PDB file of N, CA and C in Angstrom:
ATOM      1  N   MET A   1       0.931  -0.761   0.044  1.00  0.00           N
ATOM      2  CA  MET A   1       0.046  -0.052  -0.048  1.00  0.00           C
ATOM      3  C   MET A   1       0.540   1.079   0.024  1.00  0.00           C
ATOM      4  N   VAL A   2       0.560   2.199  -0.644  1.00  0.00           N
ATOM      5  CA  VAL A   2       0.950   3.417  -0.606  1.00  0.00           C
ATOM      6  C   VAL A   2       0.209   4.676  -0.592  1.00  0.00           C
ATOM      7  N   LEU A   3       0.749   5.721   0.355  1.00  0.00           N
ATOM      8  CA  LEU A   3      -0.263   7.189   0.660  1.00  0.00           C
ATOM      9  C   LEU A   3       0.797   8.057  -0.461  1.00  0.00           C
ATOM     10  N   VAL A   4      -0.752   8.241  -0.687  1.00  0.00           N
ATOM     11  CA  VAL A   4      -0.401   9.226  -2.104  1.00  0.00           C
ATOM     12  C   VAL A   4      -1.111  10.783  -1.779  1.00  0.00           C
ATOM     13  N   GLN A   5       0.223  11.693  -1.918  1.00  0.00           N
ATOM     14  CA  GLN A   5      -0.239  13.340  -1.027  1.00  0.00           C
ATOM     15  C   GLN A   5       0.274  14.278  -2.670  1.00  0.00           C
ATOM     16  N   PHE A   6      -0.536  14.802  -2.454  1.00  0.00           N
ATOM     17  CA  PHE A   6      -0.575  15.656  -4.402  1.00  0.00           C
ATOM     18  C   PHE A   6      -1.262  16.893  -3.192  1.00  0.00           C
ATOM     19  N   ARG A   7      -0.306  18.379  -3.545  1.00  0.00           N
ATOM     20  CA  ARG A   7      -0.022  19.127  -2.785  1.00  0.00           C
ATOM     21  C   ARG A   7      -0.086  20.676  -4.231  1.00  0.00           C
ATOM     22  N   VAL A   8      -1.122  21.467  -3.866  1.00  0.00           N
ATOM     23  CA  VAL A   8      -1.605  22.868  -4.830  1.00  0.00           C
ATOM     24  C   VAL A   8      -1.880  23.888  -4.412  1.00  0.00           C
ATOM     25  N   THR A   9      -1.704  25.094  -4.754  1.00  0.00           N
ATOM     26  CA  THR A   9      -2.096  25.754  -4.221  1.00  0.00           C
ATOM     27  C   THR A   9      -3.308  26.310  -5.176  1.00  0.00           C
ATOM     28  N   VAL A  10      -4.122  26.827  -4.927  1.00  0.00           N
ATOM     29  CA  VAL A  10      -5.522  26.947  -5.465  1.00  0.00           C
ATOM     30  C   VAL A  10      -6.101  28.240  -5.248  1.00  0.00           C
ATOM     31  N   PRO A  11      -6.675  28.559  -6.936  1.00  0.00           N
ATOM     32  CA  PRO A  11      -7.108  30.181  -6.174  1.00  0.00           C
ATOM     33  C   PRO A  11      -8.551  29.708  -5.865  1.00  0.00           C
ATOM     34  N   ASP A  12      -9.458  28.859  -5.286  1.00  0.00           N
ATOM     35  CA  ASP A  12     -10.363  28.923  -5.128  1.00  0.00           C
ATOM     36  C   ASP A  12     -10.797  27.428  -4.329  1.00  0.00           C
ATOM     37  N   VAL A  13     -10.655  27.275  -3.282  1.00  0.00           N
ATOM     38  CA  VAL A  13     -10.387  26.111  -2.339  1.00  0.00           C
ATOM     39  C   VAL A  13     -12.345  25.364  -2.245  1.00  0.00           C
ATOM     40  N   GLU A  14     -12.977  26.535  -2.287  1.00  0.00           N
ATOM     41  CA  GLU A  14     -14.360  25.806  -2.288  1.00  0.00           C
ATOM     42  C   GLU A  14     -14.707  24.707  -3.501  1.00  0.00           C
ATOM     43  N   ARG A  15     -14.168  25.409  -4.511  1.00  0.00           N
ATOM     44  CA  ARG A  15     -14.107  25.036  -5.690  1.00  0.00           C
ATOM     45  C   ARG A  15     -13.453  23.917  -5.627  1.00  0.00           C
ATOM     46  N   PHE A  16     -12.166  23.068  -5.381  1.00  0.00           N
ATOM     47  CA  PHE A  16     -11.554  22.617  -5.582  1.00  0.00           C
ATOM     48  C   PHE A  16     -12.141  21.609  -4.614  1.00  0.00           C
ATOM     49  N   ARG A  17     -12.837  22.061  -2.970  1.00  0.00           N
ATOM     50  CA  ARG A  17     -13.364  21.052  -2.516  1.00  0.00           C
ATOM     51  C   ARG A  17     -14.257  20.116  -3.167  1.00  0.00           C
ATOM     52  N   ALA A  18     -15.788  20.908  -4.001  1.00  0.00           N
ATOM     53  CA  ALA A  18     -16.466  20.563  -4.491  1.00  0.00           C
ATOM     54  C   ALA A  18     -16.067  19.255  -5.783  1.00  0.00           C
ATOM     55  N   ALA A  19     -15.066  19.858  -6.399  1.00  0.00           N
ATOM     56  CA  ALA A  19     -14.522  18.825  -7.300  1.00  0.00           C
ATOM     57  C   ALA A  19     -13.981  17.382  -7.005  1.00  0.00           C
ATOM     58  N   CYS A  20     -13.341  17.464  -5.651  1.00  0.00           N
ATOM     59  CA  CYS A  20     -13.125  16.348  -4.699  1.00  0.00           C
ATOM     60  C   CYS A  20     -14.071  15.790  -4.511  1.00  0.00           C
ATOM     61  N   GLU A  21     -15.297  15.988  -3.963  1.00  0.00           N
ATOM     62  CA  GLU A  21     -16.266  15.362  -3.169  1.00  0.00           C
ATOM     63  C   GLU A  21     -17.233  14.622  -4.533  1.00  0.00           C
ATOM     64  N   LYS A  22     -17.251  15.415  -5.918  1.00  0.00           N
ATOM     65  CA  LYS A  22     -18.140  14.957  -6.818  1.00  0.00           C
ATOM     66  C   LYS A  22     -16.957  13.899  -7.609  1.00  0.00           C
ATOM     67  N   TRP A  23     -15.768  13.685  -7.328  1.00  0.00           N
ATOM     68  CA  TRP A  23     -14.662  12.809  -7.921  1.00  0.00           C
ATOM     69  C   TRP A  23     -14.216  12.058  -7.085  1.00  0.00           C
ATOM     70  N   TYR A  24     -14.467  12.045  -6.065  1.00  0.00           N
ATOM     71  CA  TYR A  24     -13.631  10.861  -5.224  1.00  0.00           C
ATOM     72  C   TYR A  24     -14.774   9.644  -4.979  1.00  0.00           C
ATOM     73  N   PRO A  25     -16.079   9.466  -5.075  1.00  0.00           N
ATOM     74  CA  PRO A  25     -16.840   7.754  -5.648  1.00  0.00           C
ATOM     75  C   PRO A  25     -16.009   7.430  -6.893  1.00  0.00           C
ATOM     76  N   THR A  26     -15.524   8.003  -8.214  1.00  0.00           N
ATOM     77  CA  THR A  26     -15.019   7.740  -9.039  1.00  0.00           C
ATOM     78  C   THR A  26     -13.665   7.161  -8.988  1.00  0.00           C
ATOM     79  N   PHE A  27     -13.150   8.016  -7.976  1.00  0.00           N
ATOM     80  CA  PHE A  27     -11.206   7.359  -7.557  1.00  0.00           C
ATOM     81  C   PHE A  27     -11.725   6.396  -7.072  1.00  0.00           C
ATOM     82  N   GLU A  28     -12.840   6.192  -5.796  1.00  0.00           N
ATOM     83  CA  GLU A  28     -12.775   5.120  -4.710  1.00  0.00           C
ATOM     84  C   GLU A  28     -13.193   4.035  -5.685  1.00  0.00           C
ATOM     85  N   GLN A  29     -13.834   3.918  -6.583  1.00  0.00           N
ATOM     86  CA  GLN A  29     -14.092   2.663  -7.526  1.00  0.00           C
ATOM     87  C   GLN A  29     -12.850   2.134  -8.214  1.00  0.00           C
ATOM     88  N   ASP A  30     -11.864   3.046  -8.225  1.00  0.00           N
ATOM     89  CA  ASP A  30     -10.326   2.619  -9.216  1.00  0.00           C
ATOM     90  C   ASP A  30      -9.676   2.148  -7.914  1.00  0.00           C
ATOM     91  N   GLY A  31     -10.296   2.106  -6.596  1.00  0.00           N
ATOM     92  CA  GLY A  31      -9.193   1.488  -5.960  1.00  0.00           C
ATOM     93  C   GLY A  31      -8.977   2.446  -4.787  1.00  0.00           C
ATOM     94  N   ALA A  32      -9.232   3.810  -4.952  1.00  0.00           N
ATOM     95  CA  ALA A  32      -8.509   4.736  -4.200  1.00  0.00           C
ATOM     96  C   ALA A  32      -9.314   4.822  -2.459  1.00  0.00           C
ATOM     97  N   ARG A  33      -8.658   4.984  -1.073  1.00  0.00           N
ATOM     98  CA  ARG A  33      -9.321   4.544   0.092  1.00  0.00           C
ATOM     99  C   ARG A  33      -8.911   6.077   0.774  1.00  0.00           C
ATOM    100  N   ASN A  34     -10.009   5.981   2.002  1.00  0.00           N
ATOM    101  CA  ASN A  34      -9.491   7.284   2.903  1.00  0.00           C
ATOM    102  C   ASN A  34      -8.870   8.525   1.987  1.00  0.00           C
ATOM    103  N   GLN A  35      -9.408   8.602   1.388  1.00  0.00           N
ATOM    104  CA  GLN A  35      -9.170  10.542   0.600  1.00  0.00           C
ATOM    105  C   GLN A  35      -9.925  11.097   1.793  1.00  0.00           C
ATOM    106  N   GLN A  36      -8.960  12.228   1.849  1.00  0.00           N
ATOM    107  CA  GLN A  36      -9.005  13.211   2.467  1.00  0.00           C
ATOM    108  C   GLN A  36      -8.042  15.090   1.820  1.00  0.00           C
ATOM    109  N   VAL A  37      -9.085  16.009   2.573  1.00  0.00           N
ATOM    110  CA  VAL A  37      -8.519  17.102   1.550  1.00  0.00           C
ATOM    111  C   VAL A  37      -7.996  17.970   2.633  1.00  0.00           C
ATOM    112  N   TRP A  38      -7.074  18.611   2.797  1.00  0.00           N
ATOM    113  CA  TRP A  38      -7.017  19.650   3.600  1.00  0.00           C
ATOM    114  C   TRP A  38      -6.234  20.835   3.514  1.00  0.00           C
ATOM    115  N   ASN A  39      -6.170  21.940   4.161  1.00  0.00           N
ATOM    116  CA  ASN A  39      -5.754  23.291   3.551  1.00  0.00           C
ATOM    117  C   ASN A  39      -5.189  23.617   4.669  1.00  0.00           C
ATOM    118  N   SER A  40      -3.875  24.851   4.367  1.00  0.00           N
ATOM    119  CA  SER A  40      -3.056  25.541   5.076  1.00  0.00           C
ATOM    120  C   SER A  40      -3.670  26.526   6.063  1.00  0.00           C
ATOM    121  N   GLU A  41      -3.096  26.062   7.143  1.00  0.00           N
ATOM    122  CA  GLU A  41      -3.517  27.173   8.404  1.00  0.00           C
ATOM    123  C   GLU A  41      -2.750  28.654   7.636  1.00  0.00           C
ATOM    124  N   ALA A  42      -1.357  28.378   7.191  1.00  0.00           N
ATOM    125  CA  ALA A  42      -0.473  29.823   6.903  1.00  0.00           C
ATOM    126  C   ALA A  42      -0.790  30.500   5.496  1.00  0.00           C
ATOM    127  N   SER A  43      -1.970  29.484   4.680  1.00  0.00           N
ATOM    128  CA  SER A  43      -2.150  29.830   3.365  1.00  0.00           C
ATOM    129  C   SER A  43      -2.778  29.090   2.884  1.00  0.00           C
ATOM    130  N   PRO A  44      -4.130  29.576   3.387  1.00  0.00           N
ATOM    131  CA  PRO A  44      -5.369  28.400   3.294  1.00  0.00           C
ATOM    132  C   PRO A  44      -5.669  28.183   1.392  1.00  0.00           C
ATOM    133  N   ASN A  45      -5.264  29.200   0.864  1.00  0.00           N
ATOM    134  CA  ASN A  45      -5.252  28.647  -0.557  1.00  0.00           C
ATOM    135  C   ASN A  45      -4.052  27.260  -1.108  1.00  0.00           C
ATOM    136  N   GLU A  46      -3.261  26.769  -0.530  1.00  0.00           N
ATOM    137  CA  GLU A  46      -2.231  25.020  -0.363  1.00  0.00           C
ATOM    138  C   GLU A  46      -3.133  24.786   0.184  1.00  0.00           C
ATOM    139  N   VAL A  47      -4.047  23.831  -0.916  1.00  0.00           N
ATOM    140  CA  VAL A  47      -4.474  22.545  -0.208  1.00  0.00           C
ATOM    141  C   VAL A  47      -3.778  21.033  -0.580  1.00  0.00           C
ATOM    142  N   THR A  48      -3.620  20.128   0.235  1.00  0.00           N
ATOM    143  CA  THR A  48      -3.251  19.107   0.300  1.00  0.00           C
ATOM    144  C   THR A  48      -4.313  17.451  -0.181  1.00  0.00           C
ATOM    145  N   THR A  49      -4.036  17.072  -0.951  1.00  0.00           N
ATOM    146  CA  THR A  49      -5.243  15.377  -1.033  1.00  0.00           C
ATOM    147  C   THR A  49      -4.203  14.324  -0.084  1.00  0.00           C
ATOM    148  N   LEU A  50      -4.896  13.405   0.375  1.00  0.00           N
ATOM    149  CA  LEU A  50      -3.959  12.335   0.772  1.00  0.00           C
ATOM    150  C   LEU A  50      -4.854  11.288   0.732  1.00  0.00           C
ATOM    151  N   THR A  51      -4.179   9.962   0.033  1.00  0.00           N
ATOM    152  CA  THR A  51      -5.283   8.781  -0.174  1.00  0.00           C
ATOM    153  C   THR A  51      -4.297   7.672  -0.766  1.00  0.00           C
ATOM    154  N   GLU A  52      -4.811   6.577   0.196  1.00  0.00           N
ATOM    155  CA  GLU A  52      -4.345   5.309   0.278  1.00  0.00           C
ATOM    156  C   GLU A  52      -4.997   4.601  -0.831  1.00  0.00           C
ATOM    157  N   TRP A  53      -3.657   3.560  -1.708  1.00  0.00           N
ATOM    158  CA  TRP A  53      -3.948   3.226  -2.353  1.00  0.00           C
ATOM    159  C   TRP A  53      -3.476   1.814  -2.739  1.00  0.00           C
ATOM    160  N   GLU A  54      -3.816   0.719  -3.151  1.00  0.00           N
ATOM    161  CA  GLU A  54      -2.789  -0.336  -3.368  1.00  0.00           C
ATOM    162  C   GLU A  54      -1.199  -0.264  -3.740  1.00  0.00           C
ATOM    163  N   SER A  55      -1.533   0.326  -4.936  1.00  0.00           N
ATOM    164  CA  SER A  55      -0.054   0.647  -5.332  1.00  0.00           C
ATOM    165  C   SER A  55       0.159   1.668  -6.345  1.00  0.00           C
ATOM    166  N   HIS A  56       1.221   2.255  -5.784  1.00  0.00           N
ATOM    167  CA  HIS A  56       1.810   3.933  -7.103  1.00  0.00           C
ATOM    168  C   HIS A  56       0.811   3.674  -8.548  1.00  0.00           C
ATOM    169  N   ASP A  57       1.247   2.296  -9.430  1.00  0.00           N
ATOM    170  CA  ASP A  57       0.440   2.096 -10.511  1.00  0.00           C
ATOM    171  C   ASP A  57      -0.893   1.576 -10.821  1.00  0.00           C
ATOM    172  N   GLN A  58      -1.687   1.533  -9.339  1.00  0.00           N
ATOM    173  CA  GLN A  58      -2.778   1.966  -9.420  1.00  0.00           C
ATOM    174  C   GLN A  58      -3.602   3.419  -9.688  1.00  0.00           C
ATOM    175  N   MET A  59      -2.924   4.519  -8.590  1.00  0.00           N
ATOM    176  CA  MET A  59      -3.008   5.238  -8.594  1.00  0.00           C
ATOM    177  C   MET A  59      -2.606   6.283 -10.261  1.00  0.00           C
ATOM    178  N   MET A  60      -1.994   5.588 -10.696  1.00  0.00           N
ATOM    179  CA  MET A  60      -1.411   6.528 -11.874  1.00  0.00           C
ATOM    180  C   MET A  60      -2.630   5.909 -13.526  1.00  0.00           C
ATOM    181  N   GLU A  61      -2.934   5.170 -13.032  1.00  0.00           N
ATOM    182  CA  GLU A  61      -4.257   4.642 -14.013  1.00  0.00           C
ATOM    183  C   GLU A  61      -5.182   5.197 -13.511  1.00  0.00           C
ATOM    184  N   SER A  62      -5.533   5.607 -12.753  1.00  0.00           N
ATOM    185  CA  SER A  62      -6.960   6.583 -12.733  1.00  0.00           C
ATOM    186  C   SER A  62      -6.578   8.020 -12.562  1.00  0.00           C
ATOM    187  N   SER A  63      -5.479   8.469 -12.578  1.00  0.00           N
ATOM    188  CA  SER A  63      -4.854   9.771 -12.674  1.00  0.00           C
ATOM    189  C   SER A  63      -4.706  10.325 -14.088  1.00  0.00           C
ATOM    190  N   GLU A  64      -4.488   8.688 -14.942  1.00  0.00           N
ATOM    191  CA  GLU A  64      -4.129   8.677 -16.716  1.00  0.00           C
ATOM    192  C   GLU A  64      -5.800   9.092 -17.115  1.00  0.00           C
ATOM    193  N   ARG A  65      -6.871   8.364 -16.209  1.00  0.00           N
ATOM    194  CA  ARG A  65      -8.201   8.264 -16.604  1.00  0.00           C
ATOM    195  C   ARG A  65      -8.756   9.246 -16.818  1.00  0.00           C
ATOM    196  N   TRP A  66      -8.964  10.312 -15.248  1.00  0.00           N
ATOM    197  CA  TRP A  66      -9.625  11.166 -14.785  1.00  0.00           C
ATOM    198  C   TRP A  66      -9.243  12.447 -14.420  1.00  0.00           C
ATOM    199  N   GLY A  67      -7.660  12.370 -14.721  1.00  0.00           N
ATOM    200  CA  GLY A  67      -7.092  13.268 -14.064  1.00  0.00           C
ATOM    201  C   GLY A  67      -7.206  14.840 -14.909  1.00  0.00           C
ATOM    202  N   ASP A  68      -7.506  14.654 -15.934  1.00  0.00           N
ATOM    203  CA  ASP A  68      -7.974  16.117 -17.019  1.00  0.00           C
ATOM    204  C   ASP A  68      -9.253  16.470 -16.295  1.00  0.00           C
ATOM    205  N   PRO A  69     -10.288  15.901 -16.245  1.00  0.00           N
ATOM    206  CA  PRO A  69     -11.482  16.174 -15.882  1.00  0.00           C
ATOM    207  C   PRO A  69     -11.644  16.710 -14.857  1.00  0.00           C
ATOM    208  N   PHE A  70     -11.197  15.903 -13.949  1.00  0.00           N
ATOM    209  CA  PHE A  70     -11.438  16.573 -12.390  1.00  0.00           C
ATOM    210  C   PHE A  70     -10.541  17.529 -12.332  1.00  0.00           C
ATOM    211  N   GLN A  71      -9.365  18.120 -13.551  1.00  0.00           N
ATOM    212  CA  GLN A  71      -8.511  19.506 -13.172  1.00  0.00           C
ATOM    213  C   GLN A  71      -9.689  20.413 -13.253  1.00  0.00           C
ATOM    214  N   GLU A  72      -9.950  19.920 -14.563  1.00  0.00           N
ATOM    215  CA  GLU A  72     -11.538  20.749 -14.991  1.00  0.00           C
ATOM    216  C   GLU A  72     -12.060  21.670 -14.242  1.00  0.00           C
ATOM    217  N   ASP A  73     -12.815  20.316 -13.907  1.00  0.00           N
ATOM    218  CA  ASP A  73     -14.072  20.957 -12.212  1.00  0.00           C
ATOM    219  C   ASP A  73     -13.105  21.516 -11.155  1.00  0.00           C
ATOM    220  N   ALA A  74     -11.926  21.167 -11.296  1.00  0.00           N
ATOM    221  CA  ALA A  74     -10.981  22.036  -9.688  1.00  0.00           C
ATOM    222  C   ALA A  74     -10.438  23.187  -9.864  1.00  0.00           C
ATOM    223  N   GLY A  75     -10.596  23.376 -11.360  1.00  0.00           N
ATOM    224  CA  GLY A  75      -9.949  25.056 -11.821  1.00  0.00           C
ATOM    225  C   GLY A  75      -8.460  24.358 -11.496  1.00  0.00           C
ATOM    226  N   THR A  76      -7.811  23.849 -11.567  1.00  0.00           N
ATOM    227  CA  THR A  76      -6.430  23.400 -11.336  1.00  0.00           C
ATOM    228  C   THR A  76      -5.413  23.521 -12.916  1.00  0.00           C
ATOM    229  N   VAL A  77      -6.549  23.519 -13.976  1.00  0.00           N
ATOM    230  CA  VAL A  77      -5.583  23.228 -15.320  1.00  0.00           C
ATOM    231  C   VAL A  77      -4.531  24.159 -14.997  1.00  0.00           C
ATOM    232  N   GLY A  78      -2.963  23.397 -15.613  1.00  0.00           N
ATOM    233  CA  GLY A  78      -2.011  24.600 -15.789  1.00  0.00           C
ATOM    234  C   GLY A  78      -1.591  25.540 -14.356  1.00  0.00           C
ATOM    235  N   LEU A  79      -1.960  24.517 -13.505  1.00  0.00           N
ATOM    236  CA  LEU A  79      -0.780  24.973 -11.933  1.00  0.00           C
ATOM    237  C   LEU A  79       0.143  23.695 -11.314  1.00  0.00           C
ATOM    238  N   GLU A  80       0.982  24.004 -10.729  1.00  0.00           N
ATOM    239  CA  GLU A  80       2.215  23.547 -10.576  1.00  0.00           C
ATOM    240  C   GLU A  80       1.762  22.527  -9.192  1.00  0.00           C
ATOM    241  N   TRP A  81       1.650  20.970  -9.160  1.00  0.00           N
ATOM    242  CA  TRP A  81       1.331  20.487  -8.534  1.00  0.00           C
ATOM    243  C   TRP A  81       2.311  19.850  -8.001  1.00  0.00           C
ATOM    244  N   GLU A  82       2.378  19.380  -6.347  1.00  0.00           N
ATOM    245  CA  GLU A  82       3.637  18.578  -6.244  1.00  0.00           C
ATOM    246  C   GLU A  82       3.429  17.213  -6.119  1.00  0.00           C
ATOM    247  N   THR A  83       3.710  16.253  -6.042  1.00  0.00           N
ATOM    248  CA  THR A  83       3.332  14.354  -6.124  1.00  0.00           C
ATOM    249  C   THR A  83       4.307  14.205  -5.062  1.00  0.00           C
ATOM    250  N   ARG A  84       3.767  13.642  -3.479  1.00  0.00           N
ATOM    251  CA  ARG A  84       4.400  12.175  -2.579  1.00  0.00           C
ATOM    252  C   ARG A  84       3.872  11.263  -3.017  1.00  0.00           C
ATOM    253  N   ILE A  85       4.513  10.180  -2.783  1.00  0.00           N
ATOM    254  CA  ILE A  85       4.352   8.737  -2.751  1.00  0.00           C
ATOM    255  C   ILE A  85       4.828   8.267  -1.295  1.00  0.00           C
ATOM    256  N   TRP A  86       4.288   8.304  -0.400  1.00  0.00           N
ATOM    257  CA  TRP A  86       4.811   7.415   0.831  1.00  0.00           C
ATOM    258  C   TRP A  86       4.979   5.831   1.179  1.00  0.00           C
ATOM    259  N   HIS A  87       5.779   5.125   1.680  1.00  0.00           N
ATOM    260  CA  HIS A  87       5.538   4.404   1.648  1.00  0.00           C
ATOM    261  C   HIS A  87       5.523   3.614   3.636  1.00  0.00           C
ATOM    262  N   ARG A  88       4.653   3.239   3.944  1.00  0.00           N
ATOM    263  CA  ARG A  88       4.494   2.542   5.569  1.00  0.00           C
ATOM    264  C   ARG A  88       6.052   2.178   5.662  1.00  0.00           C
ATOM    265  N   VAL A  89       5.973   2.940   7.150  1.00  0.00           N
ATOM    266  CA  VAL A  89       7.601   2.037   7.391  1.00  0.00           C
ATOM    267  C   VAL A  89       7.222   1.435   8.937  1.00  0.00           C
ATOM    268  N   LEU A  90       6.134   2.221   9.737  1.00  0.00           N
ATOM    269  CA  LEU A  90       5.796   1.087  10.764  1.00  0.00           C
ATOM    270  C   LEU A  90       4.396   0.900  10.856  1.00  0.00           C
TER     271      LEU A  90
END
C-alpha cells in the first residue's frame, strides 16, 4: 500500500473541495481509500490531498483516466502540483 499526497495552491478552495466531493466516488471505484483534503492554516489556498492506494501504478492508472476532467472541475488546469508517494515504515 502507498499513501499519495498531492499539493497545489488553488485560486478557489471551495471549487476544489466540490470537485473532490464529486470525483471521490469515481476514484474510490478505482481503488482509492481514506481520501482526505486539507488546507494550510498559514496559506489557506494551499491544499493537499492524502489517499491510500494498493500501489503507485494503481493511482497512476486512475490519474491518467480521470486527471484532466478532475482538474477542469477543480480549476487547477495549468497549476504546478507536487506529488509525493509515501511507503509505510511501521
